Amino acid sequence: MDTKFEKAFLKSVKKHSGIKKQIEQKVLQIISHPVEMGEPLKGNFRGYYSCPVKRNFIIIYLYCGICRKKGDDEHVACADCSETPDETIKFVIVGLMMQHMG
């Protein structure tokens, strides 16, 4: 499995250094089981997966093979899509989960 870490992901890990160990553990779990660990996102975030790190923190990532299989690659439009193997996970960002209050 190839892994790529976007600049925003690495920057957000530094920003949330207090949970760095939990992020590292979750990244390893995602690499081992990318589909089982994540929740597919919808709408504007179609093609991406989210995985909770702890309480309100989530990791957003792409699994390239599934993205292509579902036809989401046209929606996501990664600049390096054509050169990236199917067995690649791109870690996009770590951040606070957005909560919508009704």
PDB file of N, CA and C in Angstrom:
ATOM      1  N   MET A   1       0.850  -1.185   0.000  1.00  0.00           N
ATOM      2  CA  MET A   1       0.000   0.000   0.000  1.00  0.00           C
ATOM      3  C   MET A   1       0.890   1.241   0.000  1.00  0.00           C
ATOM      4  N   ASP A   2       0.692   2.104  -0.986  1.00  0.00           N
ATOM      5  CA  ASP A   2       1.390   3.384  -1.028  1.00  0.00           C
ATOM      6  C   ASP A   2       0.636   4.379  -0.156  1.00  0.00           C
ATOM      7  N   THR A   3       1.360   5.264   0.479  1.00  0.00           N
ATOM      8  CA  THR A   3       0.721   6.316   1.262  1.00  0.00           C
ATOM      9  C   THR A   3       1.295   7.669   0.852  1.00  0.00           C
ATOM     10  N   LYS A   4       0.423   8.644   0.816  1.00  0.00           N
ATOM     11  CA  LYS A   4       0.829  10.020   0.549  1.00  0.00           C
ATOM     12  C   LYS A   4       0.224  10.888   1.638  1.00  0.00           C
ATOM     13  N   PHE A   5       1.005  11.838   2.103  1.00  0.00           N
ATOM     14  CA  PHE A   5       0.546  12.763   3.133  1.00  0.00           C
ATOM     15  C   PHE A   5       0.557  14.170   2.546  1.00  0.00           C
ATOM     16  N   GLU A   6      -0.627  14.745   2.410  1.00  0.00           N
ATOM     17  CA  GLU A   6      -0.738  16.104   1.894  1.00  0.00           C
ATOM     18  C   GLU A   6      -0.109  17.086   2.887  1.00  0.00           C
ATOM     19  N   LYS A   7       0.340  18.231   2.377  1.00  0.00           N
ATOM     20  CA  LYS A   7       0.938  19.258   3.238  1.00  0.00           C
ATOM     21  C   LYS A   7      -0.018  19.670   4.355  1.00  0.00           C
ATOM     22  N   ALA A   8      -1.293  19.808   4.023  1.00  0.00           N
ATOM     23  CA  ALA A   8      -2.285  20.210   5.025  1.00  0.00           C
ATOM     24  C   ALA A   8      -2.385  19.167   6.142  1.00  0.00           C
ATOM     25  N   PHE A   9      -2.233  17.887   5.804  1.00  0.00           N
ATOM     26  CA  PHE A   9      -2.284  16.828   6.812  1.00  0.00           C
ATOM     27  C   PHE A   9      -1.098  16.966   7.770  1.00  0.00           C
ATOM     28  N   LEU A  10       0.097  17.098   7.212  1.00  0.00           N
ATOM     29  CA  LEU A  10       1.301  17.214   8.047  1.00  0.00           C
ATOM     30  C   LEU A  10       1.241  18.468   8.922  1.00  0.00           C
ATOM     31  N   LYS A  11       0.746  19.554   8.361  1.00  0.00           N
ATOM     32  CA  LYS A  11       0.606  20.802   9.123  1.00  0.00           C
ATOM     33  C   LYS A  11      -0.397  20.629  10.260  1.00  0.00           C
ATOM     34  N   SER A  12      -1.507  19.938   9.989  1.00  0.00           N
ATOM     35  CA  SER A  12      -2.519  19.753  11.031  1.00  0.00           C
ATOM     36  C   SER A  12      -2.042  18.799  12.125  1.00  0.00           C
ATOM     37  N   VAL A  13      -1.177  17.835  11.773  1.00  0.00           N
ATOM     38  CA  VAL A  13      -0.604  16.951  12.804  1.00  0.00           C
ATOM     39  C   VAL A  13       0.261  17.771  13.755  1.00  0.00           C
ATOM     40  N   LYS A  14       1.052  18.690  13.184  1.00  0.00           N
ATOM     41  CA  LYS A  14       1.870  19.572  14.032  1.00  0.00           C
ATOM     42  C   LYS A  14       0.984  20.428  14.931  1.00  0.00           C
ATOM     43  N   LYS A  15      -0.089  20.963  14.355  1.00  0.00           N
ATOM     44  CA  LYS A  15      -1.003  21.836  15.095  1.00  0.00           C
ATOM     45  C   LYS A  15      -1.650  21.092  16.265  1.00  0.00           C
ATOM     46  N   HIS A  16      -1.971  19.823  16.055  1.00  0.00           N
ATOM     47  CA  HIS A  16      -2.625  19.006  17.086  1.00  0.00           C
ATOM     48  C   HIS A  16      -1.636  17.994  17.671  1.00  0.00           C
ATOM     49  N   SER A  17      -0.449  18.466  18.010  1.00  0.00           N
ATOM     50  CA  SER A  17       0.627  17.582  18.472  1.00  0.00           C
ATOM     51  C   SER A  17       0.268  16.816  19.748  1.00  0.00           C
ATOM     52  N   GLY A  18      -0.688  17.310  20.510  1.00  0.00           N
ATOM     53  CA  GLY A  18      -1.110  16.632  21.729  1.00  0.00           C
ATOM     54  C   GLY A  18      -1.731  15.266  21.481  1.00  0.00           C
ATOM     55  N   ILE A  19      -2.220  15.043  20.259  1.00  0.00           N
ATOM     56  CA  ILE A  19      -2.827  13.744  19.934  1.00  0.00           C
ATOM     57  C   ILE A  19      -2.040  13.037  18.813  1.00  0.00           C
ATOM     58  N   LYS A  20      -0.777  13.411  18.666  1.00  0.00           N
ATOM     59  CA  LYS A  20       0.049  12.855  17.585  1.00  0.00           C
ATOM     60  C   LYS A  20       0.119  11.324  17.644  1.00  0.00           C
ATOM     61  N   LYS A  21       0.289  10.762  18.821  1.00  0.00           N
ATOM     62  CA  LYS A  21       0.374   9.296  18.959  1.00  0.00           C
ATOM     63  C   LYS A  21      -0.920   8.632  18.497  1.00  0.00           C
ATOM     64  N   GLN A  22      -2.064   9.199  18.881  1.00  0.00           N
ATOM     65  CA  GLN A  22      -3.356   8.646  18.461  1.00  0.00           C
ATOM     66  C   GLN A  22      -3.525   8.748  16.935  1.00  0.00           C
ATOM     67  N   ILE A  23      -3.050   9.858  16.369  1.00  0.00           N
ATOM     68  CA  ILE A  23      -3.125  10.036  14.912  1.00  0.00           C
ATOM     69  C   ILE A  23      -2.269   8.968  14.226  1.00  0.00           C
ATOM     70  N   GLU A  24      -1.047   8.769  14.721  1.00  0.00           N
ATOM     71  CA  GLU A  24      -0.157   7.769  14.135  1.00  0.00           C
ATOM     72  C   GLU A  24      -0.771   6.372  14.203  1.00  0.00           C
ATOM     73  N   GLN A  25      -1.357   6.020  15.333  1.00  0.00           N
ATOM     74  CA  GLN A  25      -1.998   4.710  15.477  1.00  0.00           C
ATOM     75  C   GLN A  25      -3.152   4.556  14.496  1.00  0.00           C
ATOM     76  N   LYS A  26      -3.957   5.597  14.358  1.00  0.00           N
ATOM     77  CA  LYS A  26      -5.113   5.537  13.461  1.00  0.00           C
ATOM     78  C   LYS A  26      -4.662   5.449  12.003  1.00  0.00           C
ATOM     79  N   VAL A  27      -3.595   6.168  11.645  1.00  0.00           N
ATOM     80  CA  VAL A  27      -3.051   6.095  10.282  1.00  0.00           C
ATOM     81  C   VAL A  27      -2.630   4.662   9.961  1.00  0.00           C
ATOM     82  N   LEU A  28      -1.965   3.999  10.891  1.00  0.00           N
ATOM     83  CA  LEU A  28      -1.544   2.604  10.672  1.00  0.00           C
ATOM     84  C   LEU A  28      -2.751   1.687  10.500  1.00  0.00           C
ATOM     85  N   GLN A  29      -3.801   1.919  11.275  1.00  0.00           N
ATOM     86  CA  GLN A  29      -5.020   1.119  11.149  1.00  0.00           C
ATOM     87  C   GLN A  29      -5.691   1.362   9.788  1.00  0.00           C
ATOM     88  N   ILE A  30      -5.715   2.607   9.360  1.00  0.00           N
ATOM     89  CA  ILE A  30      -6.319   2.947   8.067  1.00  0.00           C
ATOM     90  C   ILE A  30      -5.536   2.290   6.934  1.00  0.00           C
ATOM     91  N   ILE A  31      -4.219   2.315   7.022  1.00  0.00           N
ATOM     92  CA  ILE A  31      -3.387   1.693   5.982  1.00  0.00           C
ATOM     93  C   ILE A  31      -3.693   0.194   5.890  1.00  0.00           C
ATOM     94  N   SER A  32      -3.906  -0.449   7.021  1.00  0.00           N
ATOM     95  CA  SER A  32      -4.200  -1.883   7.038  1.00  0.00           C
ATOM     96  C   SER A  32      -5.619  -2.197   6.564  1.00  0.00           C
ATOM     97  N   HIS A  33      -6.580  -1.323   6.883  1.00  0.00           N
ATOM     98  CA  HIS A  33      -7.997  -1.564   6.574  1.00  0.00           C
ATOM     99  C   HIS A  33      -8.681  -0.269   6.139  1.00  0.00           C
ATOM    100  N   PRO A  34      -8.331   0.253   4.959  1.00  0.00           N
ATOM    101  CA  PRO A  34      -8.826   1.584   4.577  1.00  0.00           C
ATOM    102  C   PRO A  34     -10.345   1.700   4.447  1.00  0.00           C
ATOM    103  N   VAL A  35     -11.000   0.680   3.946  1.00  0.00           N
ATOM    104  CA  VAL A  35     -12.449   0.769   3.754  1.00  0.00           C
ATOM    105  C   VAL A  35     -13.177   0.523   5.068  1.00  0.00           C
ATOM    106  N   GLU A  36     -12.726  -0.466   5.829  1.00  0.00           N
ATOM    107  CA  GLU A  36     -13.386  -0.824   7.082  1.00  0.00           C
ATOM    108  C   GLU A  36     -13.254   0.265   8.147  1.00  0.00           C
ATOM    109  N   MET A  37     -12.154   0.988   8.141  1.00  0.00           N
ATOM    110  CA  MET A  37     -11.897   2.000   9.175  1.00  0.00           C
ATOM    111  C   MET A  37     -12.645   3.305   8.929  1.00  0.00           C
ATOM    112  N   GLY A  38     -12.971   3.580   7.684  1.00  0.00           N
ATOM    113  CA  GLY A  38     -13.523   4.890   7.366  1.00  0.00           C
ATOM    114  C   GLY A  38     -14.998   4.888   7.047  1.00  0.00           C
ATOM    115  N   GLU A  39     -15.543   6.067   7.120  1.00  0.00           N
ATOM    116  CA  GLU A  39     -16.936   6.323   6.771  1.00  0.00           C
ATOM    117  C   GLU A  39     -16.924   7.141   5.484  1.00  0.00           C
ATOM    118  N   PRO A  40     -17.543   6.633   4.393  1.00  0.00           N
ATOM    119  CA  PRO A  40     -17.556   7.422   3.159  1.00  0.00           C
ATOM    120  C   PRO A  40     -18.336   8.722   3.344  1.00  0.00           C
ATOM    121  N   LEU A  41     -17.770   9.786   2.836  1.00  0.00           N
ATOM    122  CA  LEU A  41     -18.426  11.083   2.933  1.00  0.00           C
ATOM    123  C   LEU A  41     -19.300  11.306   1.702  1.00  0.00           C
ATOM    124  N   LYS A  42     -20.218  12.254   1.809  1.00  0.00           N
ATOM    125  CA  LYS A  42     -21.187  12.505   0.738  1.00  0.00           C
ATOM    126  C   LYS A  42     -21.158  13.965   0.326  1.00  0.00           C
ATOM    127  N   GLY A  43     -21.984  14.270  -0.655  1.00  0.00           N
ATOM    128  CA  GLY A  43     -22.117  15.663  -1.104  1.00  0.00           C
ATOM    129  C   GLY A  43     -20.830  16.196  -1.699  1.00  0.00           C
ATOM    130  N   ASN A  44     -20.431  17.390  -1.266  1.00  0.00           N
ATOM    131  CA  ASN A  44     -19.209  18.020  -1.780  1.00  0.00           C
ATOM    132  C   ASN A  44     -17.952  17.234  -1.435  1.00  0.00           C
ATOM    133  N   PHE A  45     -18.045  16.319  -0.472  1.00  0.00           N
ATOM    134  CA  PHE A  45     -16.884  15.543  -0.040  1.00  0.00           C
ATOM    135  C   PHE A  45     -16.948  14.103  -0.534  1.00  0.00           C
ATOM    136  N   ARG A  46     -17.788  13.862  -1.534  1.00  0.00           N
ATOM    137  CA  ARG A  46     -17.907  12.526  -2.127  1.00  0.00           C
ATOM    138  C   ARG A  46     -16.524  12.051  -2.584  1.00  0.00           C
ATOM    139  N   GLY A  47     -16.206  10.792  -2.299  1.00  0.00           N
ATOM    140  CA  GLY A  47     -14.912  10.229  -2.666  1.00  0.00           C
ATOM    141  C   GLY A  47     -13.945  10.158  -1.492  1.00  0.00           C
ATOM    142  N   TYR A  48     -14.175  10.988  -0.488  1.00  0.00           N
ATOM    143  CA  TYR A  48     -13.328  11.016   0.691  1.00  0.00           C
ATOM    144  C   TYR A  48     -13.910  10.116   1.781  1.00  0.00           C
ATOM    145  N   TYR A  49     -13.046   9.721   2.700  1.00  0.00           N
ATOM    146  CA  TYR A  49     -13.451   8.961   3.884  1.00  0.00           C
ATOM    147  C   TYR A  49     -13.063   9.751   5.121  1.00  0.00           C
ATOM    148  N   SER A  50     -13.814   9.549   6.200  1.00  0.00           N
ATOM    149  CA  SER A  50     -13.431  10.126   7.485  1.00  0.00           C
ATOM    150  C   SER A  50     -13.280   8.994   8.493  1.00  0.00           C
ATOM    151  N   CYS A  51     -12.368   9.188   9.420  1.00  0.00           N
ATOM    152  CA  CYS A  51     -12.136   8.207  10.473  1.00  0.00           C
ATOM    153  C   CYS A  51     -11.864   8.973  11.767  1.00  0.00           C
ATOM    154  N   PRO A  52     -12.608   8.663  12.826  1.00  0.00           N
ATOM    155  CA  PRO A  52     -12.386   9.391  14.077  1.00  0.00           C
ATOM    156  C   PRO A  52     -11.051   9.014  14.722  1.00  0.00           C
ATOM    157  N   VAL A  53     -10.389  10.011  15.269  1.00  0.00           N
ATOM    158  CA  VAL A  53      -9.150   9.781  16.016  1.00  0.00           C
ATOM    159  C   VAL A  53      -9.498   9.715  17.494  1.00  0.00           C
ATOM    160  N   LYS A  54     -10.173  10.715  17.957  1.00  0.00           N
ATOM    161  CA  LYS A  54     -10.709  10.753  19.315  1.00  0.00           C
ATOM    162  C   LYS A  54     -11.846  11.752  19.319  1.00  0.00           C
ATOM    163  N   ARG A  55     -12.718  11.608  20.193  1.00  0.00           N
ATOM    164  CA  ARG A  55     -13.934  12.402  20.337  1.00  0.00           C
ATOM    165  C   ARG A  55     -14.302  13.272  19.142  1.00  0.00           C
ATOM    166  N   ASN A  56     -13.781  14.481  19.015  1.00  0.00           N
ATOM    167  CA  ASN A  56     -14.184  15.387  17.938  1.00  0.00           C
ATOM    168  C   ASN A  56     -13.169  15.515  16.810  1.00  0.00           C
ATOM    169  N   PHE A  57     -12.107  14.713  16.832  1.00  0.00           N
ATOM    170  CA  PHE A  57     -11.082  14.806  15.792  1.00  0.00           C
ATOM    171  C   PHE A  57     -11.250  13.697  14.773  1.00  0.00           C
ATOM    172  N   ILE A  58     -11.120  14.062  13.491  1.00  0.00           N
ATOM    173  CA  ILE A  58     -11.219  13.072  12.430  1.00  0.00           C
ATOM    174  C   ILE A  58     -10.057  13.222  11.450  1.00  0.00           C
ATOM    175  N   ILE A  59      -9.756  12.121  10.793  1.00  0.00           N
ATOM    176  CA  ILE A  59      -8.804  12.104   9.687  1.00  0.00           C
ATOM    177  C   ILE A  59      -9.635  12.008   8.408  1.00  0.00           C
ATOM    178  N   ILE A  60      -9.313  12.844   7.431  1.00  0.00           N
ATOM    179  CA  ILE A  60      -9.947  12.775   6.114  1.00  0.00           C
ATOM    180  C   ILE A  60      -8.906  12.200   5.153  1.00  0.00           C
ATOM    181  N   TYR A  61      -9.322  11.177   4.395  1.00  0.00           N
ATOM    182  CA  TYR A  61      -8.388  10.546   3.467  1.00  0.00           C
ATOM    183  C   TYR A  61      -9.111  10.046   2.223  1.00  0.00           C
ATOM    184  N   LEU A  62      -8.318   9.711   1.218  1.00  0.00           N
ATOM    185  CA  LEU A  62      -8.796   9.129  -0.032  1.00  0.00           C
ATOM    186  C   LEU A  62      -8.156   7.754  -0.205  1.00  0.00           C
ATOM    187  N   TYR A  63      -8.907   6.824  -0.732  1.00  0.00           N
ATOM    188  CA  TYR A  63      -8.358   5.532  -1.143  1.00  0.00           C
ATOM    189  C   TYR A  63      -8.538   5.498  -2.659  1.00  0.00           C
ATOM    190  N   CYS A  64      -7.467   5.665  -3.387  1.00  0.00           N
ATOM    191  CA  CYS A  64      -7.526   5.932  -4.826  1.00  0.00           C
ATOM    192  C   CYS A  64      -8.282   4.871  -5.622  1.00  0.00           C
ATOM    193  N   GLY A  65      -8.056   3.600  -5.341  1.00  0.00           N
ATOM    194  CA  GLY A  65      -8.734   2.539  -6.082  1.00  0.00           C
ATOM    195  C   GLY A  65     -10.239   2.596  -5.936  1.00  0.00           C
ATOM    196  N   ILE A  66     -10.727   2.820  -4.722  1.00  0.00           N
ATOM    197  CA  ILE A  66     -12.165   2.906  -4.474  1.00  0.00           C
ATOM    198  C   ILE A  66     -12.732   4.185  -5.098  1.00  0.00           C
ATOM    199  N   CYS A  67     -11.983   5.257  -5.005  1.00  0.00           N
ATOM    200  CA  CYS A  67     -12.411   6.534  -5.595  1.00  0.00           C
ATOM    201  C   CYS A  67     -12.676   6.347  -7.091  1.00  0.00           C
ATOM    202  N   ARG A  68     -11.750   5.683  -7.772  1.00  0.00           N
ATOM    203  CA  ARG A  68     -11.910   5.437  -9.215  1.00  0.00           C
ATOM    204  C   ARG A  68     -13.046   4.460  -9.491  1.00  0.00           C
ATOM    205  N   LYS A  69     -13.117   3.406  -8.692  1.00  0.00           N
ATOM    206  CA  LYS A  69     -14.130   2.370  -8.899  1.00  0.00           C
ATOM    207  C   LYS A  69     -15.545   2.955  -8.810  1.00  0.00           C
ATOM    208  N   LYS A  70     -15.735   3.885  -7.875  1.00  0.00           N
ATOM    209  CA  LYS A  70     -17.046   4.509  -7.693  1.00  0.00           C
ATOM    210  C   LYS A  70     -17.287   5.661  -8.665  1.00  0.00           C
ATOM    211  N   GLY A  71     -16.268   6.026  -9.448  1.00  0.00           N
ATOM    212  CA  GLY A  71     -16.408   7.153 -10.364  1.00  0.00           C
ATOM    213  C   GLY A  71     -16.275   8.502  -9.699  1.00  0.00           C
ATOM    214  N   ASP A  72     -15.780   8.509  -8.461  1.00  0.00           N
ATOM    215  CA  ASP A  72     -15.636   9.770  -7.724  1.00  0.00           C
ATOM    216  C   ASP A  72     -14.387  10.550  -8.127  1.00  0.00           C
ATOM    217  N   ASP A  73     -13.497   9.920  -8.909  1.00  0.00           N
ATOM    218  CA  ASP A  73     -12.257  10.591  -9.292  1.00  0.00           C
ATOM    219  C   ASP A  73     -12.520  11.861 -10.108  1.00  0.00           C
ATOM    220  N   GLU A  74     -13.599  11.894 -10.874  1.00  0.00           N
ATOM    221  CA  GLU A  74     -13.929  13.110 -11.620  1.00  0.00           C
ATOM    222  C   GLU A  74     -14.387  14.224 -10.685  1.00  0.00           C
ATOM    223  N   HIS A  75     -15.045  13.846  -9.594  1.00  0.00           N
ATOM    224  CA  HIS A  75     -15.520  14.819  -8.609  1.00  0.00           C
ATOM    225  C   HIS A  75     -14.351  15.339  -7.755  1.00  0.00           C
ATOM    226  N   VAL A  76     -13.482  14.416  -7.322  1.00  0.00           N
ATOM    227  CA  VAL A  76     -12.355  14.781  -6.457  1.00  0.00           C
ATOM    228  C   VAL A  76     -11.297  15.536  -7.256  1.00  0.00           C
ATOM    229  N   ALA A  77     -10.995  15.048  -8.458  1.00  0.00           N
ATOM    230  CA  ALA A  77     -10.070  15.705  -9.399  1.00  0.00           C
ATOM    231  C   ALA A  77      -8.684  15.976  -8.810  1.00  0.00           C
ATOM    232  N   CYS A  78      -8.025  14.932  -8.325  1.00  0.00           N
ATOM    233  CA  CYS A  78      -6.636  15.068  -7.846  1.00  0.00           C
ATOM    234  C   CYS A  78      -5.722  15.381  -9.029  1.00  0.00           C
ATOM    235  N   ALA A  79      -4.805  16.289  -8.837  1.00  0.00           N
ATOM    236  CA  ALA A  79      -3.885  16.681  -9.905  1.00  0.00           C
ATOM    237  C   ALA A  79      -2.997  15.518 -10.347  1.00  0.00           C
ATOM    238  N   ASP A  80      -2.671  14.607  -9.423  1.00  0.00           N
ATOM    239  CA  ASP A  80      -1.768  13.498  -9.738  1.00  0.00           C
ATOM    240  C   ASP A  80      -2.509  12.164  -9.913  1.00  0.00           C
ATOM    241  N   CYS A  81      -3.795  12.215 -10.172  1.00  0.00           N
ATOM    242  CA  CYS A  81      -4.613  10.996 -10.246  1.00  0.00           C
ATOM    243  C   CYS A  81      -4.064   9.993 -11.262  1.00  0.00           C
ATOM    244  N   SER A  82      -3.719  10.445 -12.450  1.00  0.00           N
ATOM    245  CA  SER A  82      -3.301   9.517 -13.501  1.00  0.00           C
ATOM    246  C   SER A  82      -1.975   8.818 -13.183  1.00  0.00           C
ATOM    247  N   GLU A  83      -1.138   9.403 -12.326  1.00  0.00           N
ATOM    248  CA  GLU A  83       0.146   8.779 -11.969  1.00  0.00           C
ATOM    249  C   GLU A  83       0.081   7.992 -10.664  1.00  0.00           C
ATOM    250  N   THR A  84      -1.033   8.065  -9.964  1.00  0.00           N
ATOM    251  CA  THR A  84      -1.142   7.440  -8.647  1.00  0.00           C
ATOM    252  C   THR A  84      -1.747   6.045  -8.765  1.00  0.00           C
ATOM    253  N   PRO A  85      -1.042   5.014  -8.233  1.00  0.00           N
ATOM    254  CA  PRO A  85      -1.574   3.652  -8.287  1.00  0.00           C
ATOM    255  C   PRO A  85      -2.873   3.509  -7.478  1.00  0.00           C
ATOM    256  N   ASP A  86      -3.704   2.533  -7.860  1.00  0.00           N
ATOM    257  CA  ASP A  86      -4.954   2.269  -7.147  1.00  0.00           C
ATOM    258  C   ASP A  86      -4.727   2.001  -5.665  1.00  0.00           C
ATOM    259  N   GLU A  87      -3.664   1.295  -5.338  1.00  0.00           N
ATOM    260  CA  GLU A  87      -3.385   0.927  -3.944  1.00  0.00           C
ATOM    261  C   GLU A  87      -2.672   2.058  -3.204  1.00  0.00           C
ATOM    262  N   THR A  88      -3.220   3.249  -3.304  1.00  0.00           N
ATOM    263  CA  THR A  88      -2.657   4.425  -2.638  1.00  0.00           C
ATOM    264  C   THR A  88      -3.711   5.030  -1.724  1.00  0.00           C
ATOM    265  N   ILE A  89      -3.257   5.399  -0.533  1.00  0.00           N
ATOM    266  CA  ILE A  89      -4.101   6.144   0.400  1.00  0.00           C
ATOM    267  C   ILE A  89      -3.478   7.524   0.546  1.00  0.00           C
ATOM    268  N   LYS A  90      -4.299   8.541   0.332  1.00  0.00           N
ATOM    269  CA  LYS A  90      -3.851   9.922   0.505  1.00  0.00           C
ATOM    270  C   LYS A  90      -4.487  10.478   1.771  1.00  0.00           C
ATOM    271  N   PHE A  91      -3.643  10.839   2.715  1.00  0.00           N
ATOM    272  CA  PHE A  91      -4.117  11.455   3.954  1.00  0.00           C
ATOM    273  C   PHE A  91      -4.185  12.956   3.713  1.00  0.00           C
ATOM    274  N   VAL A  92      -5.397  13.498   3.806  1.00  0.00           N
ATOM    275  CA  VAL A  92      -5.664  14.875   3.391  1.00  0.00           C
ATOM    276  C   VAL A  92      -5.527  15.863   4.545  1.00  0.00           C
ATOM    277  N   ILE A  93      -6.210  15.579   5.673  1.00  0.00           N
ATOM    278  CA  ILE A  93      -6.180  16.536   6.798  1.00  0.00           C
ATOM    279  C   ILE A  93      -6.661  15.845   8.082  1.00  0.00           C
ATOM    280  N   VAL A  94      -6.239  16.399   9.198  1.00  0.00           N
ATOM    281  CA  VAL A  94      -6.759  16.020  10.523  1.00  0.00           C
ATOM    282  C   VAL A  94      -7.374  17.279  11.090  1.00  0.00           C
ATOM    283  N   GLY A  95      -8.561  17.144  11.649  1.00  0.00           N
ATOM    284  CA  GLY A  95      -9.163  18.340  12.213  1.00  0.00           C
ATOM    285  C   GLY A  95     -10.361  18.039  13.069  1.00  0.00           C
ATOM    286  N   LEU A  96     -10.930  19.108  13.588  1.00  0.00           N
ATOM    287  CA  LEU A  96     -12.132  19.001  14.396  1.00  0.00           C
ATOM    288  C   LEU A  96     -13.322  18.660  13.505  1.00  0.00           C
ATOM    289  N   MET A  97     -14.126  17.761  13.982  1.00  0.00           N
ATOM    290  CA  MET A  97     -15.327  17.380  13.253  1.00  0.00           C
ATOM    291  C   MET A  97     -16.311  18.550  13.303  1.00  0.00           C
ATOM    292  N   MET A  98     -16.867  18.859  12.168  1.00  0.00           N
ATOM    293  CA  MET A  98     -17.860  19.939  12.097  1.00  0.00           C
ATOM    294  C   MET A  98     -19.172  19.431  12.668  1.00  0.00           C
ATOM    295  N   GLN A  99     -19.719  20.151  13.603  1.00  0.00           N
ATOM    296  CA  GLN A  99     -20.992  19.762  14.189  1.00  0.00           C
ATOM    297  C   GLN A  99     -22.025  20.812  13.824  1.00  0.00           C
ATOM    298  N   HIS A 100     -23.147  20.344  13.310  1.00  0.00           N
ATOM    299  CA  HIS A 100     -24.226  21.246  12.940  1.00  0.00           C
ATOM    300  C   HIS A 100     -25.322  21.160  13.996  1.00  0.00           C
ATOM    301  N   MET A 101     -25.606  22.269  14.587  1.00  0.00           N
ATOM    302  CA  MET A 101     -26.649  22.314  15.611  1.00  0.00           C
ATOM    303  C   MET A 101     -27.954  22.738  14.939  1.00  0.00           C
ATOM    304  N   GLY A 102     -29.016  21.976  15.192  1.00  0.00           N
ATOM    305  CA  GLY A 102     -30.284  22.249  14.537  1.00  0.00           C
ATOM    306  C   GLY A 102     -31.134  23.232  15.222  1.00  0.00           C
TER     307      GLY A 102
END
